[in-house]
Amino acid sequence: MRTAVMVGLLLLTMATVASAQSEVTPEQKIKVAYLYNFIRYVQWPDSTFLDKEAPFVIGILDDDPHSQLLERIAKRKLARGRTIVVRRFTDVNQIRDCHLVFLSDSTKPNEVADVITRTEQQHSLLVCDIVATPNKDAPIQFYYDQDGTIGLKINIAAMERRDLKADAKLLNVASVVRG
């Protein structure tokens, strides 16, 4: 039942994303739909936000199709009652003050390690494509199942180090790693 609810929400979000630019792949649409739904199923500490009107900030490294899709969602949706702001960064040293940071598979391995370190104390949910992640320290990673479908790995220890909590509905659709 929970998986059906998550799949339904994912499909609903994908409908918002579907009308975006045609050069975007189905995989990118699915990943962006997941990114939006992570906002709904991960809890951040109240202290993460300056006030009740502060926006939810999504950071993305480099200019790739994911950022365009996220910006489209940001114009139409809210994140837990907050507006969504998408920030694009050209360098890992610029990444700060984000609630969610997405690193696509084009991110260099040394950059991934730097971003993991930089974002840990900021209560940022870091989401990586597995290809881009040389270690297991990212809280959430995309990967491909044997049948080619996109899966999720959630590292509970990495989430806890960032004071983030994943809802049981999210954990039920993911492969959970405890360390």
Protein backbone atom coordinates (compact mmCIF):
# COMPACT_ATOMS: atom_id res chain seq x y z
CA MET A 1 0.00 0.00 0.00
CA ARG A 2 2.76 2.45 0.95
CA THR A 3 4.65 1.66 -2.22
CA ALA A 4 1.49 2.36 -4.22
CA VAL A 5 1.08 5.73 -2.49
CA MET A 6 4.70 6.68 -3.22
CA VAL A 7 4.38 5.56 -6.85
CA GLY A 8 1.16 7.59 -7.18
CA LEU A 9 2.84 10.69 -5.80
CA LEU A 10 5.80 10.11 -8.08
CA LEU A 11 3.53 9.87 -11.12
CA LEU A 12 1.64 13.01 -10.10
CA THR A 13 4.89 14.93 -9.78
CA MET A 14 6.12 13.54 -13.10
CA ALA A 15 2.99 14.96 -14.76
CA THR A 16 4.19 18.41 -13.70
CA VAL A 17 7.64 17.68 -15.07
CA ALA A 18 6.49 15.91 -18.25
CA SER A 19 5.74 19.02 -20.23
CA ALA A 20 9.28 20.36 -19.76
CA GLN A 21 11.82 20.41 -22.55
CA SER A 22 11.82 17.48 -24.95
CA GLU A 23 15.56 16.76 -24.75
CA VAL A 24 15.15 15.69 -21.13
CA THR A 25 15.30 11.92 -20.68
CA PRO A 26 12.69 9.85 -18.82
CA GLU A 27 15.36 9.01 -16.22
CA GLN A 28 15.93 12.71 -15.52
CA LYS A 29 12.19 13.25 -15.10
CA ILE A 30 11.98 10.37 -12.64
CA LYS A 31 14.94 11.64 -10.63
CA VAL A 32 13.51 15.15 -10.43
CA ALA A 33 10.15 13.75 -9.33
CA TYR A 34 11.97 11.84 -6.59
CA LEU A 35 13.88 14.98 -5.57
CA TYR A 36 10.64 16.88 -5.10
CA ASN A 37 9.10 14.03 -3.13
CA PHE A 38 12.14 13.79 -0.86
CA ILE A 39 11.10 17.21 0.42
CA ARG A 40 7.78 15.70 1.48
CA TYR A 41 9.25 12.59 3.11
CA VAL A 42 12.35 13.92 4.86
CA GLN A 43 12.17 16.01 8.01
CA TRP A 44 14.67 18.83 8.59
CA PRO A 45 15.34 20.41 12.00
CA ASP A 46 13.27 23.57 12.56
CA SER A 47 16.51 25.48 13.10
CA THR A 48 17.43 24.83 9.46
CA PHE A 49 15.08 27.60 8.35
CA LEU A 50 15.56 31.24 9.32
CA ASP A 51 11.82 31.73 9.81
CA LYS A 52 8.45 30.36 8.72
CA GLU A 53 8.59 32.26 5.42
CA ALA A 54 12.12 31.19 4.46
CA PRO A 55 12.20 29.34 1.13
CA PHE A 56 13.24 25.74 0.64
CA VAL A 57 16.54 25.91 -1.27
CA ILE A 58 17.63 23.23 -3.73
CA GLY A 59 21.22 23.40 -4.94
CA ILE A 60 22.48 21.76 -8.09
CA LEU A 61 26.05 21.66 -9.35
CA ASP A 62 26.60 22.67 -12.97
CA ASP A 63 23.98 23.54 -15.53
CA ASP A 64 22.22 20.34 -16.49
CA PRO A 65 18.65 19.40 -17.45
CA HIS A 66 17.79 18.52 -13.85
CA SER A 67 18.02 22.19 -12.86
CA GLN A 68 15.59 23.23 -15.59
CA LEU A 69 13.07 20.63 -14.45
CA LEU A 70 13.50 21.62 -10.81
CA GLU A 71 12.94 25.27 -11.69
CA ARG A 72 9.72 24.33 -13.45
CA ILE A 73 8.49 22.52 -10.33
CA ALA A 74 9.59 25.44 -8.15
CA LYS A 75 7.28 27.76 -10.08
CA ARG A 76 4.24 25.52 -9.52
CA LYS A 77 4.70 23.75 -6.20
CA LEU A 78 5.48 24.43 -2.57
CA ALA A 79 7.80 22.50 -0.27
CA ARG A 80 6.03 21.94 3.04
CA GLY A 81 4.25 25.27 2.59
CA ARG A 82 7.41 27.11 1.54
CA THR A 83 8.36 28.49 -1.84
CA ILE A 84 11.14 26.62 -3.61
CA VAL A 85 14.31 28.30 -4.85
CA VAL A 86 16.72 26.48 -7.16
CA ARG A 87 20.34 27.64 -7.03
CA ARG A 88 22.86 26.58 -9.64
CA PHE A 89 26.49 26.35 -8.63
CA THR A 90 29.48 26.19 -10.95
CA ASP A 91 31.96 25.24 -8.23
CA VAL A 92 31.68 23.04 -5.13
CA ASN A 93 33.09 25.84 -2.97
CA GLN A 94 29.97 27.89 -3.71
CA ILE A 95 27.57 25.29 -2.31
CA ARG A 96 26.07 26.46 0.98
CA ASP A 97 22.74 27.34 2.57
CA CYS A 98 20.82 24.63 0.71
CA HIS A 99 18.29 22.23 2.16
CA LEU A 100 18.73 19.72 -0.64
CA VAL A 101 21.77 19.37 -2.90
CA PHE A 102 21.70 17.18 -5.99
CA LEU A 103 24.86 15.96 -7.70
CA SER A 104 24.27 14.39 -11.10
CA ASP A 105 26.36 11.65 -12.63
CA SER A 106 28.52 14.29 -14.34
CA THR A 107 30.01 15.34 -10.99
CA LYS A 108 33.67 14.43 -10.56
CA PRO A 109 34.46 11.96 -7.72
CA ASN A 110 36.73 14.41 -5.86
CA GLU A 111 33.94 17.02 -6.00
CA VAL A 112 31.47 14.57 -4.48
CA ALA A 113 33.74 13.98 -1.48
CA ASP A 114 34.13 17.76 -1.01
CA VAL A 115 30.37 18.35 -1.16
CA ILE A 116 29.69 15.54 1.32
CA THR A 117 32.04 17.22 3.80
CA ARG A 118 30.77 20.76 3.13
CA THR A 119 27.08 19.93 3.46
CA GLU A 120 27.15 17.62 6.47
CA GLN A 121 27.13 20.39 9.10
CA GLN A 122 24.50 22.37 7.21
CA HIS A 123 21.67 19.81 7.60
CA SER A 124 21.58 19.51 3.81
CA LEU A 125 20.08 16.44 2.22
CA LEU A 126 22.67 15.36 -0.33
CA VAL A 127 21.34 13.24 -3.19
CA CYS A 128 23.79 11.69 -5.67
CA ASP A 129 23.70 9.51 -8.73
CA ILE A 130 25.56 6.35 -7.73
CA VAL A 131 27.96 6.72 -10.67
CA ALA A 132 29.11 10.04 -9.24
CA THR A 133 29.57 8.78 -5.70
CA PRO A 134 32.78 6.90 -4.93
CA ASN A 135 31.83 6.30 -1.29
CA LYS A 136 28.80 5.49 0.81
CA ASP A 137 28.58 8.77 2.75
CA ALA A 138 25.79 10.42 0.76
CA PRO A 139 22.42 10.24 2.56
CA ILE A 140 20.53 9.29 -0.63
CA GLN A 141 21.88 7.78 -3.82
CA PHE A 142 20.19 6.83 -7.06
CA TYR A 143 21.23 3.57 -8.66
CA TYR A 144 19.96 1.23 -11.35
CA ASP A 145 18.43 -2.14 -10.44
CA GLN A 146 19.34 -5.23 -12.42
CA ASP A 147 16.27 -4.66 -14.58
CA GLY A 148 17.36 -1.08 -15.32
CA THR A 149 14.85 0.71 -13.11
CA ILE A 150 15.96 3.57 -10.89
CA GLY A 151 16.34 2.64 -7.25
CA LEU A 152 17.22 4.50 -4.06
CA LYS A 153 19.77 3.78 -1.37
CA ILE A 154 19.27 5.62 1.88
CA ASN A 155 22.15 5.74 4.34
CA ILE A 156 20.53 6.10 7.77
CA ALA A 157 23.82 6.98 9.51
CA ALA A 158 24.50 9.76 6.98
CA MET A 159 20.96 11.07 7.50
CA GLU A 160 21.42 11.05 11.29
CA ARG A 161 24.75 12.91 11.06
CA ARG A 162 22.82 15.69 9.31
CA ASP A 163 19.90 15.57 11.80
CA LEU A 164 17.55 14.48 9.02
CA LYS A 165 14.79 11.90 9.37
CA ALA A 166 13.31 9.87 6.54
CA ASP A 167 9.63 8.99 6.74
CA ALA A 168 8.76 5.29 6.83
CA LYS A 169 7.00 5.65 3.46
CA LEU A 170 10.28 6.71 1.87
CA LEU A 171 12.25 3.97 3.62
CA ASN A 172 9.78 1.36 2.33
CA VAL A 173 10.60 2.14 -1.31
CA ALA A 174 14.37 2.28 -0.80
CA SER A 175 17.28 0.02 -0.06
CA VAL A 176 18.30 1.04 3.45
CA VAL A 177 21.95 1.09 4.51
CA ARG A 178 22.69 1.47 8.21
CA GLY A 179 26.24 2.72 8.21
